[in-house]
C-alpha atoms as a PDB file:
ATOM      1  CA  UNK A   1       4.159  24.084 -23.302  1.00  0.00           C
ATOM      2  CA  UNK A   2       6.745  25.624 -20.966  1.00  0.00           C
ATOM      3  CA  UNK A   3       6.938  24.003 -17.537  1.00  0.00           C
ATOM      4  CA  UNK A   4       7.292  26.245 -14.487  1.00  0.00           C
ATOM      5  CA  UNK A   5      10.262  25.563 -12.196  1.00  0.00           C
ATOM      6  CA  UNK A   6       9.239  23.416  -9.244  1.00  0.00           C
ATOM      7  CA  UNK A   7      10.319  25.948  -6.641  1.00  0.00           C
ATOM      8  CA  UNK A   8       8.061  28.572  -8.247  1.00  0.00           C
ATOM      9  CA  UNK A   9       5.104  26.776  -6.618  1.00  0.00           C
ATOM     10  CA  UNK A  10       6.496  27.437  -3.140  1.00  0.00           C
ATOM     11  CA  UNK A  11       4.195  29.884  -1.277  1.00  0.00           C
ATOM     12  CA  UNK A  12       5.762  33.345  -0.964  1.00  0.00           C
ATOM     13  CA  UNK A  13       5.540  33.257   2.838  1.00  0.00           C
ATOM     14  CA  UNK A  14       7.904  30.243   2.855  1.00  0.00           C
ATOM     15  CA  UNK A  15      11.117  32.153   3.277  1.00  0.00           C
ATOM     16  CA  UNK A  16      14.359  30.328   4.004  1.00  0.00           C
ATOM     17  CA  UNK A  17      13.802  30.932   7.693  1.00  0.00           C
ATOM     18  CA  UNK A  18      10.323  29.473   7.537  1.00  0.00           C
ATOM     19  CA  UNK A  19      11.490  26.444   5.566  1.00  0.00           C
ATOM     20  CA  UNK A  20      14.310  25.852   8.015  1.00  0.00           C
ATOM     21  CA  UNK A  21      11.854  26.011  10.907  1.00  0.00           C
ATOM     22  CA  UNK A  22       9.531  23.590   9.179  1.00  0.00           C
ATOM     23  CA  UNK A  23      12.402  21.204   8.533  1.00  0.00           C
ATOM     24  CA  UNK A  24      13.360  21.365  12.217  1.00  0.00           C
ATOM     25  CA  UNK A  25       9.782  20.544  13.193  1.00  0.00           C
ATOM     26  CA  UNK A  26       9.716  17.715  10.641  1.00  0.00           C
ATOM     27  CA  UNK A  27      12.916  16.243  12.119  1.00  0.00           C
ATOM     28  CA  UNK A  28      11.509  16.410  15.633  1.00  0.00           C
ATOM     29  CA  UNK A  29       8.139  14.896  14.688  1.00  0.00           C
ATOM     30  CA  UNK A  30       9.699  11.972  12.850  1.00  0.00           C
ATOM     31  CA  UNK A  31      12.750  11.542  15.052  1.00  0.00           C
ATOM     32  CA  UNK A  32      15.160  12.216  12.212  1.00  0.00           C
ATOM     33  CA  UNK A  33      18.836  11.990  13.130  1.00  0.00           C
ATOM     34  CA  UNK A  34      21.653  12.668  10.667  1.00  0.00           C
ATOM     35  CA  UNK A  35      25.222  11.736  11.438  1.00  0.00           C
ATOM     36  CA  UNK A  36      27.038  14.416   9.380  1.00  0.00           C
ATOM     37  CA  UNK A  37      26.526  17.986   8.331  1.00  0.00           C
ATOM     38  CA  UNK A  38      26.566  16.896   4.700  1.00  0.00           C
ATOM     39  CA  UNK A  39      23.776  14.440   5.373  1.00  0.00           C
ATOM     40  CA  UNK A  40      21.776  17.100   7.212  1.00  0.00           C
ATOM     41  CA  UNK A  41      22.152  19.517   4.297  1.00  0.00           C
ATOM     42  CA  UNK A  42      21.214  16.846   1.770  1.00  0.00           C
ATOM     43  CA  UNK A  43      18.055  15.912   3.694  1.00  0.00           C
ATOM     44  CA  UNK A  44      17.113  19.549   4.203  1.00  0.00           C
ATOM     45  CA  UNK A  45      17.292  20.155   0.478  1.00  0.00           C
ATOM     46  CA  UNK A  46      15.209  17.038  -0.285  1.00  0.00           C
ATOM     47  CA  UNK A  47      12.624  18.191   2.265  1.00  0.00           C
ATOM     48  CA  UNK A  48      12.414  21.635   0.629  1.00  0.00           C
ATOM     49  CA  UNK A  49      11.947  20.020  -2.780  1.00  0.00           C
ATOM     50  CA  UNK A  50       9.104  17.951  -1.346  1.00  0.00           C
ATOM     51  CA  UNK A  51       7.521  21.074   0.129  1.00  0.00           C
ATOM     52  CA  UNK A  52       7.566  22.602  -3.367  1.00  0.00           C
ATOM     53  CA  UNK A  53       6.144  19.416  -4.904  1.00  0.00           C
ATOM     54  CA  UNK A  54       3.313  19.388  -2.374  1.00  0.00           C
ATOM     55  CA  UNK A  55       2.507  22.995  -3.161  1.00  0.00           C
ATOM     56  CA  UNK A  56       2.507  22.168  -6.871  1.00  0.00           C
ATOM     57  CA  UNK A  57       0.193  19.183  -6.375  1.00  0.00           C
ATOM     58  CA  UNK A  58      -2.187  21.288  -4.295  1.00  0.00           C
ATOM     59  CA  UNK A  59      -2.220  24.175  -6.773  1.00  0.00           C
ATOM     60  CA  UNK A  60      -4.828  22.533  -9.004  1.00  0.00           C
ATOM     61  CA  UNK A  61      -8.453  21.644  -8.402  1.00  0.00           C
ATOM     62  CA  UNK A  62      -7.960  18.041  -7.418  1.00  0.00           C
ATOM     63  CA  UNK A  63     -10.229  16.289  -4.940  1.00  0.00           C
ATOM     64  CA  UNK A  64      -7.282  15.134  -2.854  1.00  0.00           C
ATOM     65  CA  UNK A  65      -4.605  16.935  -0.850  1.00  0.00           C
ATOM     66  CA  UNK A  66      -0.914  16.284  -0.796  1.00  0.00           C
ATOM     67  CA  UNK A  67       1.186  16.723   2.318  1.00  0.00           C
ATOM     68  CA  UNK A  68       4.423  16.067   4.169  1.00  0.00           C
ATOM     69  CA  UNK A  69       5.071  12.614   5.609  1.00  0.00           C
ATOM     70  CA  UNK A  70       7.979  10.624   7.082  1.00  0.00           C
ATOM     71  CA  UNK A  71       9.398  10.094   3.598  1.00  0.00           C
ATOM     72  CA  UNK A  72       9.684  13.745   2.703  1.00  0.00           C
ATOM     73  CA  UNK A  73      13.479  13.759   3.075  1.00  0.00           C
ATOM     74  CA  UNK A  74      13.996  10.552   1.083  1.00  0.00           C
ATOM     75  CA  UNK A  75      15.610  10.125  -2.288  1.00  0.00           C
ATOM     76  CA  UNK A  76      13.671   8.548  -5.152  1.00  0.00           C
ATOM     77  CA  UNK A  77      15.853   5.454  -4.840  1.00  0.00           C
ATOM     78  CA  UNK A  78      15.057   5.055  -1.140  1.00  0.00           C
ATOM     79  CA  UNK A  79      11.362   5.409  -1.852  1.00  0.00           C
ATOM     80  CA  UNK A  80      11.292   2.922  -4.711  1.00  0.00           C
ATOM     81  CA  UNK A  81      12.782   0.186  -2.493  1.00  0.00           C
ATOM     82  CA  UNK A  82       9.304  -0.289  -1.015  1.00  0.00           C
ATOM     83  CA  UNK A  83       7.611  -0.775  -4.365  1.00  0.00           C
ATOM     84  CA  UNK A  84       7.946  -4.532  -4.457  1.00  0.00           C
ATOM     85  CA  UNK A  85       5.135  -5.797  -6.657  1.00  0.00           C
ATOM     86  CA  UNK A  86       6.819  -7.824  -9.404  1.00  0.00           C
ATOM     87  CA  UNK A  87       6.495 -10.601 -11.974  1.00  0.00           C
ATOM     88  CA  UNK A  88       2.866  -9.950 -12.826  1.00  0.00           C
ATOM     89  CA  UNK A  89       3.156  -9.935 -16.623  1.00  0.00           C
ATOM     90  CA  UNK A  90       0.890 -12.971 -16.916  1.00  0.00           C
ATOM     91  CA  UNK A  91      -2.297 -13.399 -14.933  1.00  0.00           C
ATOM     92  CA  UNK A  92      -2.612 -17.122 -14.097  1.00  0.00           C
ATOM     93  CA  UNK A  93      -6.383 -17.301 -14.465  1.00  0.00           C
ATOM     94  CA  UNK A  94      -8.010 -16.205 -17.689  1.00  0.00           C
ATOM     95  CA  UNK A  95     -10.560 -13.396 -17.236  1.00  0.00           C
ATOM     96  CA  UNK A  96     -13.373 -15.762 -18.075  1.00  0.00           C
ATOM     97  CA  UNK A  97     -12.779 -17.561 -14.799  1.00  0.00           C
ATOM     98  CA  UNK A  98     -12.609 -14.403 -12.703  1.00  0.00           C
ATOM     99  CA  UNK A  99     -15.127 -13.958  -9.883  1.00  0.00           C
ATOM    100  CA  UNK A 100     -18.048 -11.653 -10.642  1.00  0.00           C
ATOM    101  CA  UNK A 101     -20.674 -10.120  -8.424  1.00  0.00           C
ATOM    102  CA  UNK A 102     -23.047  -7.266  -7.763  1.00  0.00           C
ATOM    103  CA  UNK A 103     -22.837  -5.121  -4.600  1.00  0.00           C
ATOM    104  CA  UNK A 104     -25.724  -5.337  -2.151  1.00  0.00           C
ATOM    105  CA  UNK A 105     -25.168  -2.179  -0.145  1.00  0.00           C
ATOM    106  CA  UNK A 106     -24.497   1.529  -0.472  1.00  0.00           C
ATOM    107  CA  UNK A 107     -21.012   1.163   0.938  1.00  0.00           C
ATOM    108  CA  UNK A 108     -18.879  -0.952   3.240  1.00  0.00           C
ATOM    109  CA  UNK A 109     -16.050  -0.168   5.663  1.00  0.00           C
ATOM    110  CA  UNK A 110     -14.582  -3.216   7.381  1.00  0.00           C
ATOM    111  CA  UNK A 111     -12.754  -0.963   9.846  1.00  0.00           C
ATOM    112  CA  UNK A 112     -16.133  -0.465  11.497  1.00  0.00           C
ATOM    113  CA  UNK A 113     -16.488  -4.211  12.202  1.00  0.00           C
ATOM    114  CA  UNK A 114     -14.652  -5.212  15.358  1.00  0.00           C
ATOM    115  CA  UNK A 115     -11.305  -6.955  14.886  1.00  0.00           C
ATOM    116  CA  UNK A 116     -11.656  -7.472  11.146  1.00  0.00           C
ATOM    117  CA  UNK A 117      -8.964  -4.926  10.157  1.00  0.00           C
ATOM    118  CA  UNK A 118      -5.750  -4.989  12.151  1.00  0.00           C
ATOM    119  CA  UNK A 119      -3.632  -1.915  12.891  1.00  0.00           C
ATOM    120  CA  UNK A 120      -1.728  -0.275  10.037  1.00  0.00           C
ATOM    121  CA  UNK A 121       1.762  -1.763   9.719  1.00  0.00           C
ATOM    122  CA  UNK A 122       5.117  -0.573   8.385  1.00  0.00           C
ATOM    123  CA  UNK A 123       7.017  -2.657   5.812  1.00  0.00           C
ATOM    124  CA  UNK A 124      10.087  -0.446   6.199  1.00  0.00           C
ATOM    125  CA  UNK A 125      13.073  -0.596   3.839  1.00  0.00           C
ATOM    126  CA  UNK A 126      12.034  -3.829   2.109  1.00  0.00           C
ATOM    127  CA  UNK A 127      10.049  -4.498  -1.041  1.00  0.00           C
ATOM    128  CA  UNK A 128       7.661  -6.713   0.903  1.00  0.00           C
ATOM    129  CA  UNK A 129       4.383  -4.957   0.166  1.00  0.00           C
ATOM    130  CA  UNK A 130       3.058  -8.148  -1.451  1.00  0.00           C
ATOM    131  CA  UNK A 131       3.657 -10.110   1.762  1.00  0.00           C
ATOM    132  CA  UNK A 132       1.859  -7.501   3.848  1.00  0.00           C
ATOM    133  CA  UNK A 133      -1.031  -7.402   1.383  1.00  0.00           C
ATOM    134  CA  UNK A 134      -1.393 -11.180   1.625  1.00  0.00           C
ATOM    135  CA  UNK A 135      -1.173 -11.476   5.408  1.00  0.00           C
ATOM    136  CA  UNK A 136      -3.492  -8.545   6.032  1.00  0.00           C
ATOM    137  CA  UNK A 137      -6.176  -9.974   3.740  1.00  0.00           C
ATOM    138  CA  UNK A 138      -5.796 -13.309   5.489  1.00  0.00           C
ATOM    139  CA  UNK A 139      -6.056 -11.710   8.933  1.00  0.00           C
ATOM    140  CA  UNK A 140      -9.396 -10.215   7.947  1.00  0.00           C
ATOM    141  CA  UNK A 141     -10.719 -13.359   6.252  1.00  0.00           C
ATOM    142  CA  UNK A 142      -9.772 -15.394   9.344  1.00  0.00           C
ATOM    143  CA  UNK A 143     -11.844 -13.151  11.624  1.00  0.00           C
ATOM    144  CA  UNK A 144     -14.759 -12.976   9.210  1.00  0.00           C
ATOM    145  CA  UNK A 145     -14.727 -16.795   9.184  1.00  0.00           C
ATOM    146  CA  UNK A 146     -15.476 -16.724  12.916  1.00  0.00           C
ATOM    147  CA  UNK A 147     -12.053 -16.887  14.498  1.00  0.00           C
ATOM    148  CA  UNK A 148     -10.321 -14.679  17.074  1.00  0.00           C
ATOM    149  CA  UNK A 149      -8.020 -11.981  15.600  1.00  0.00           C
ATOM    150  CA  UNK A 150      -4.421 -12.931  14.889  1.00  0.00           C
ATOM    151  CA  UNK A 151      -1.619 -10.751  13.501  1.00  0.00           C
ATOM    152  CA  UNK A 152      -0.015 -12.895  10.801  1.00  0.00           C
ATOM    153  CA  UNK A 153       3.691 -12.965   9.900  1.00  0.00           C
ATOM    154  CA  UNK A 154       4.767 -11.322   6.620  1.00  0.00           C
ATOM    155  CA  UNK A 155       8.345 -12.355   7.396  1.00  0.00           C
ATOM    156  CA  UNK A 156       7.363 -15.996   6.739  1.00  0.00           C
ATOM    157  CA  UNK A 157       6.346 -15.110   3.202  1.00  0.00           C
ATOM    158  CA  UNK A 158       9.406 -12.907   2.630  1.00  0.00           C
ATOM    159  CA  UNK A 159      11.727 -15.710   3.680  1.00  0.00           C
ATOM    160  CA  UNK A 160       9.946 -18.908   2.646  1.00  0.00           C
ATOM    161  CA  UNK A 161       8.364 -18.130  -0.715  1.00  0.00           C
ATOM    162  CA  UNK A 162      11.579 -16.912  -2.313  1.00  0.00           C
ATOM    163  CA  UNK A 163      12.534 -18.614  -5.581  1.00  0.00           C
ATOM    164  CA  UNK A 164      14.208 -17.798  -8.859  1.00  0.00           C
ATOM    165  CA  UNK A 165      10.949 -17.599 -10.816  1.00  0.00           C
ATOM    166  CA  UNK A 166       8.435 -16.353  -8.254  1.00  0.00           C
ATOM    167  CA  UNK A 167       8.895 -14.200  -5.146  1.00  0.00           C
ATOM    168  CA  UNK A 168      12.210 -12.540  -4.410  1.00  0.00           C
ATOM    169  CA  UNK A 169      12.050 -11.580  -0.744  1.00  0.00           C
ATOM    170  CA  UNK A 170      12.814  -7.878  -0.215  1.00  0.00           C
ATOM    171  CA  UNK A 171      13.405  -7.543  -3.965  1.00  0.00           C
ATOM    172  CA  UNK A 172       9.687  -7.995  -4.650  1.00  0.00           C
ATOM    173  CA  UNK A 173       6.951 -10.516  -5.271  1.00  0.00           C
ATOM    174  CA  UNK A 174       3.247 -11.064  -5.672  1.00  0.00           C
ATOM    175  CA  UNK A 175       0.456 -12.066  -3.276  1.00  0.00           C
ATOM    176  CA  UNK A 176      -0.677 -14.718  -5.796  1.00  0.00           C
ATOM    177  CA  UNK A 177       2.556 -16.683  -5.189  1.00  0.00           C
ATOM    178  CA  UNK A 178       2.180 -16.158  -1.434  1.00  0.00           C
ATOM    179  CA  UNK A 179      -1.199 -17.887  -1.639  1.00  0.00           C
ATOM    180  CA  UNK A 180       0.362 -20.788  -3.483  1.00  0.00           C
ATOM    181  CA  UNK A 181       2.690 -21.272  -0.509  1.00  0.00           C
ATOM    182  CA  UNK A 182      -0.120 -20.950   1.978  1.00  0.00           C
ATOM    183  CA  UNK A 183      -2.251 -23.532   0.152  1.00  0.00           C
ATOM    184  CA  UNK A 184       0.205 -26.113   1.547  1.00  0.00           C
ATOM    185  CA  UNK A 185       1.694 -24.336   4.562  1.00  0.00           C
ATOM    186  CA  UNK A 186       0.084 -22.383   7.376  1.00  0.00           C
ATOM    187  CA  UNK A 187       0.700 -18.754   8.108  1.00  0.00           C
ATOM    188  CA  UNK A 188       2.375 -18.173  11.436  1.00  0.00           C
ATOM    189  CA  UNK A 189       1.803 -15.448  13.994  1.00  0.00           C
ATOM    190  CA  UNK A 190       3.875 -12.287  13.888  1.00  0.00           C
ATOM    191  CA  UNK A 191       4.793 -12.982  17.526  1.00  0.00           C
ATOM    192  CA  UNK A 192       6.284 -16.361  16.540  1.00  0.00           C
ATOM    193  CA  UNK A 193       7.993 -15.107  13.350  1.00  0.00           C
ATOM    194  CA  UNK A 194       8.862 -11.422  13.918  1.00  0.00           C
ATOM    195  CA  UNK A 195       9.330  -9.055  11.020  1.00  0.00           C
ATOM    196  CA  UNK A 196      12.976  -7.945  10.703  1.00  0.00           C
ATOM    197  CA  UNK A 197      13.372  -7.113   7.033  1.00  0.00           C
ATOM    198  CA  UNK A 198      12.006  -3.602   7.467  1.00  0.00           C
ATOM    199  CA  UNK A 199      15.148  -2.662   9.360  1.00  0.00           C
ATOM    200  CA  UNK A 200      17.737  -4.780   7.554  1.00  0.00           C
ATOM    201  CA  UNK A 201      16.310  -4.532   4.044  1.00  0.00           C
ATOM    202  CA  UNK A 202      17.050  -8.235   3.587  1.00  0.00           C
ATOM    203  CA  UNK A 203      15.221 -11.492   3.877  1.00  0.00           C
ATOM    204  CA  UNK A 204      16.489 -14.215   6.236  1.00  0.00           C
ATOM    205  CA  UNK A 205      16.638 -18.013   6.159  1.00  0.00           C
ATOM    206  CA  UNK A 206      13.182 -19.586   6.177  1.00  0.00           C
ATOM    207  CA  UNK A 207      12.243 -20.508   9.777  1.00  0.00           C
ATOM    208  CA  UNK A 208       8.784 -21.948   9.099  1.00  0.00           C
ATOM    209  CA  UNK A 209       7.416 -24.053  11.943  1.00  0.00           C
ATOM    210  CA  UNK A 210       4.296 -26.006  11.008  1.00  0.00           C
ATOM    211  CA  UNK A 211       3.537 -26.629  14.683  1.00  0.00           C
ATOM    212  CA  UNK A 212       3.013 -22.906  15.144  1.00  0.00           C
ATOM    213  CA  UNK A 213       0.937 -22.423  11.994  1.00  0.00           C
ATOM    214  CA  UNK A 214      -2.493 -20.851  12.332  1.00  0.00           C
ATOM    215  CA  UNK A 215      -4.320 -21.370   9.046  1.00  0.00           C
ATOM    216  CA  UNK A 216      -3.970 -22.360   5.404  1.00  0.00           C
ATOM    217  CA  UNK A 217      -5.528 -20.552   2.462  1.00  0.00           C
ATOM    218  CA  UNK A 218      -7.928 -23.120   1.090  1.00  0.00           C
ATOM    219  CA  UNK A 219      -8.438 -21.147  -2.102  1.00  0.00           C
ATOM    220  CA  UNK A 220      -8.237 -17.684  -3.600  1.00  0.00           C
ATOM    221  CA  UNK A 221     -10.185 -15.800  -6.230  1.00  0.00           C
ATOM    222  CA  UNK A 222      -9.300 -13.301  -8.908  1.00  0.00           C
ATOM    223  CA  UNK A 223     -12.005 -10.641  -9.254  1.00  0.00           C
ATOM    224  CA  UNK A 224     -13.324  -9.434 -12.576  1.00  0.00           C
ATOM    225  CA  UNK A 225     -11.920  -6.058 -13.622  1.00  0.00           C
ATOM    226  CA  UNK A 226     -15.064  -3.996 -13.154  1.00  0.00           C
ATOM    227  CA  UNK A 227     -16.358  -1.779 -10.384  1.00  0.00           C
ATOM    228  CA  UNK A 228     -19.472  -3.812  -9.529  1.00  0.00           C
ATOM    229  CA  UNK A 229     -17.507  -7.027  -9.021  1.00  0.00           C
ATOM    230  CA  UNK A 230     -14.758  -5.328  -6.977  1.00  0.00           C
ATOM    231  CA  UNK A 231     -17.304  -3.688  -4.684  1.00  0.00           C
ATOM    232  CA  UNK A 232     -19.156  -6.963  -4.294  1.00  0.00           C
ATOM    233  CA  UNK A 233     -15.916  -8.757  -3.444  1.00  0.00           C
ATOM    234  CA  UNK A 234     -15.101  -6.111  -0.835  1.00  0.00           C
ATOM    235  CA  UNK A 235     -18.501  -6.765   0.764  1.00  0.00           C
ATOM    236  CA  UNK A 236     -17.257 -10.310   1.390  1.00  0.00           C
ATOM    237  CA  UNK A 237     -14.067  -9.029   2.999  1.00  0.00           C
ATOM    238  CA  UNK A 238     -10.923  -6.948   2.385  1.00  0.00           C
ATOM    239  CA  UNK A 239      -9.224  -7.736  -0.931  1.00  0.00           C
ATOM    240  CA  UNK A 240      -5.689  -7.548  -2.350  1.00  0.00           C
ATOM    241  CA  UNK A 241      -5.178  -4.784  -4.847  1.00  0.00           C
ATOM    242  CA  UNK A 242      -2.215  -3.643  -6.937  1.00  0.00           C
ATOM    243  CA  UNK A 243      -1.668   0.051  -7.587  1.00  0.00           C
ATOM    244  CA  UNK A 244       0.757   2.498  -9.174  1.00  0.00           C
ATOM    245  CA  UNK A 245       2.623   4.056  -6.226  1.00  0.00           C
ATOM    246  CA  UNK A 246       5.842   5.168  -7.906  1.00  0.00           C
ATOM    247  CA  UNK A 247       4.543   8.668  -8.580  1.00  0.00           C
ATOM    248  CA  UNK A 248       4.137  12.020  -6.794  1.00  0.00           C
ATOM    249  CA  UNK A 249       0.372  11.680  -6.372  1.00  0.00           C
ATOM    250  CA  UNK A 250       0.570   8.466  -4.323  1.00  0.00           C
ATOM    251  CA  UNK A 251       3.863   9.270  -2.579  1.00  0.00           C
ATOM    252  CA  UNK A 252       2.609  12.586  -1.185  1.00  0.00           C
ATOM    253  CA  UNK A 253      -1.080  11.741  -0.647  1.00  0.00           C
ATOM    254  CA  UNK A 254      -2.558  13.054   2.572  1.00  0.00           C
ATOM    255  CA  UNK A 255      -6.356  13.182   2.358  1.00  0.00           C
ATOM    256  CA  UNK A 256      -9.320  13.279  -0.047  1.00  0.00           C
ATOM    257  CA  UNK A 257     -10.063  11.138  -3.067  1.00  0.00           C
ATOM    258  CA  UNK A 258      -7.624  10.429  -5.888  1.00  0.00           C
ATOM    259  CA  UNK A 259      -9.580  10.447  -9.168  1.00  0.00           C
ATOM    260  CA  UNK A 260      -8.800   9.836 -12.841  1.00  0.00           C
ATOM    261  CA  UNK A 261      -8.349  13.598 -13.260  1.00  0.00           C
ATOM    262  CA  UNK A 262      -5.390  13.644 -10.894  1.00  0.00           C
ATOM    263  CA  UNK A 263      -3.055  11.914 -13.285  1.00  0.00           C
ATOM    264  CA  UNK A 264      -2.077   8.879 -11.202  1.00  0.00           C
ATOM    265  CA  UNK A 265      -0.416   6.388 -13.610  1.00  0.00           C
ATOM    266  CA  UNK A 266      -1.836   2.879 -14.098  1.00  0.00           C
ATOM    267  CA  UNK A 267       1.273   0.743 -14.329  1.00  0.00           C
ATOM    268  CA  UNK A 268       1.167  -1.110 -11.012  1.00  0.00           C
ATOM    269  CA  UNK A 269       4.197  -1.534  -8.739  1.00  0.00           C
ATOM    270  CA  UNK A 270       2.775  -1.782  -5.212  1.00  0.00           C
ATOM    271  CA  UNK A 271       0.482  -4.183  -3.345  1.00  0.00           C
ATOM    272  CA  UNK A 272      -1.989  -3.067  -0.706  1.00  0.00           C
ATOM    273  CA  UNK A 273      -5.484  -3.985   0.593  1.00  0.00           C
ATOM    274  CA  UNK A 274      -8.899  -2.457  -0.115  1.00  0.00           C
ATOM    275  CA  UNK A 275     -10.974  -2.625   3.087  1.00  0.00           C
ATOM    276  CA  UNK A 276     -14.097  -0.841   1.941  1.00  0.00           C
ATOM    277  CA  UNK A 277     -15.858   1.459  -0.469  1.00  0.00           C
ATOM    278  CA  UNK A 278     -18.115   4.435  -0.158  1.00  0.00           C
ATOM    279  CA  UNK A 279     -19.476   7.640  -1.711  1.00  0.00           C
ATOM    280  CA  UNK A 280     -18.608  11.258  -0.888  1.00  0.00           C
ATOM    281  CA  UNK A 281     -20.052  14.253  -2.748  1.00  0.00           C
ATOM    282  CA  UNK A 282     -21.245  11.878  -5.523  1.00  0.00           C
ATOM    283  CA  UNK A 283     -17.705  10.493  -5.929  1.00  0.00           C
ATOM    284  CA  UNK A 284     -17.462   6.770  -5.355  1.00  0.00           C
ATOM    285  CA  UNK A 285     -14.182   5.486  -3.902  1.00  0.00           C
ATOM    286  CA  UNK A 286     -12.322   2.519  -2.444  1.00  0.00           C
ATOM    287  CA  UNK A 287     -10.899   2.688   1.077  1.00  0.00           C
ATOM    288  CA  UNK A 288      -7.390   1.297   0.841  1.00  0.00           C
ATOM    289  CA  UNK A 289      -4.871   0.542   3.599  1.00  0.00           C
ATOM    290  CA  UNK A 290      -1.164   0.867   2.973  1.00  0.00           C
ATOM    291  CA  UNK A 291       1.827  -0.680   4.784  1.00  0.00           C
ATOM    292  CA  UNK A 292       3.813   2.534   5.278  1.00  0.00           C
ATOM    293  CA  UNK A 293       2.829   3.318   8.862  1.00  0.00           C
ATOM    294  CA  UNK A 294       0.212   5.842   9.967  1.00  0.00           C
ATOM    295  CA  UNK A 295       2.544   8.764   9.146  1.00  0.00           C
ATOM    296  CA  UNK A 296       1.735   8.345   5.455  1.00  0.00           C
ATOM    297  CA  UNK A 297      -1.609   9.336   3.947  1.00  0.00           C
ATOM    298  CA  UNK A 298      -4.743   9.611   6.026  1.00  0.00           C
ATOM    299  CA  UNK A 299      -3.451   7.689   9.068  1.00  0.00           C
ATOM    300  CA  UNK A 300      -2.159   4.991   6.731  1.00  0.00           C
ATOM    301  CA  UNK A 301      -5.105   4.963   4.317  1.00  0.00           C
ATOM    302  CA  UNK A 302      -5.930   6.400   0.924  1.00  0.00           C
ATOM    303  CA  UNK A 303      -9.226   6.847  -0.937  1.00  0.00           C
ATOM    304  CA  UNK A 304      -9.038   5.920  -4.650  1.00  0.00           C
ATOM    305  CA  UNK A 305     -12.000   6.661  -6.909  1.00  0.00           C
ATOM    306  CA  UNK A 306     -13.786   3.827  -8.649  1.00  0.00           C
ATOM    307  CA  UNK A 307     -13.690   3.655 -12.428  1.00  0.00           C
ATOM    308  CA  UNK A 308     -14.656   0.900 -14.829  1.00  0.00           C
ATOM    309  CA  UNK A 309     -12.134  -0.536 -17.254  1.00  0.00           C
ATOM    310  CA  UNK A 310      -9.259  -2.986 -17.009  1.00  0.00           C
ATOM    311  CA  UNK A 311      -6.977  -0.527 -15.186  1.00  0.00           C
ATOM    312  CA  UNK A 312      -9.004   1.851 -13.027  1.00  0.00           C
ATOM    313  CA  UNK A 313      -7.564   4.794 -11.091  1.00  0.00           C
ATOM    314  CA  UNK A 314      -3.901   4.146 -10.221  1.00  0.00           C
ATOM    315  CA  UNK A 315      -4.331   0.712 -11.887  1.00  0.00           C
ATOM    316  CA  UNK A 316      -6.408  -0.581  -8.977  1.00  0.00           C
ATOM    317  CA  UNK A 317      -8.744  -2.760 -11.075  1.00  0.00           C
ATOM    318  CA  UNK A 318      -6.105  -4.935 -12.630  1.00  0.00           C
ATOM    319  CA  UNK A 319      -5.138  -7.522  -9.995  1.00  0.00           C
ATOM    320  CA  UNK A 320      -7.862  -7.824  -7.401  1.00  0.00           C
ATOM    321  CA  UNK A 321      -7.738 -11.068  -5.374  1.00  0.00           C
ATOM    322  CA  UNK A 322      -9.067 -12.356  -2.095  1.00  0.00           C
ATOM    323  CA  UNK A 323      -8.169 -15.416  -0.002  1.00  0.00           C
ATOM    324  CA  UNK A 324     -10.570 -18.036   1.252  1.00  0.00           C
ATOM    325  CA  UNK A 325      -9.830 -19.587   4.609  1.00  0.00           C
END
């Protein structure tokens, strides 16, 4: 089957003048500043390629819409820096020990419960998605357990859980290993351990201070790889999920529901948090928060359709966990 050139999907009304105007608006909206003419021209071309990709993605009959975001002038290499979910070849618990359950509602959105879901964050130029996934799930579990809201410190996990065989700071990791650290050490507040790796792209020396710790993770559960159990777990609180984000569907998502028909791969490379589930036009979906600021997706969120099986849409069923305070 012959593939059409990417630029052939660009709407006819998008003349060079229109594209240049759109790029200028994009630069203003996202405060883009380029130091050389060569850099400007490179980014303009990347932006135009993204515009064509968005048009291509929206040319089908999918139930989601693609759009422009703050990454629309990035290279693939710059984008992939953020995909930091790694070393998950072996699941520590056997499936027989995984948590199972049955949902007791017709949907749940923890954003509607005061203080349970903190504001969307931005991991920046660091493969620390796993650390944000862990701290955000803990923040929610802490409030659900009856405590006042606290913004936890992903920088602690980036710096202090680094080892040769487990987490690797900005080079990637897994929330499972973060929970191992927090079973013996307390998570600190963001205000006491500020996040810097998003700007530098590097971890720093561990500066853990037990005296400023807030809470341990007493335990954590792996959830069975089926829709009923995942929805039931979400009814207890937001859960860690792993997804395939290194693809055009996820990268350019703007609104709607990503389903199996949209071709999102299932090999996971990114850690985020499911904060709810619901039904829209007979399509059941998970409500998932990302750590790429509110300029990505639907104000920082994506809806991913439910599907039974060991992988699920975008691989979301494979590594569902939740912490217990």
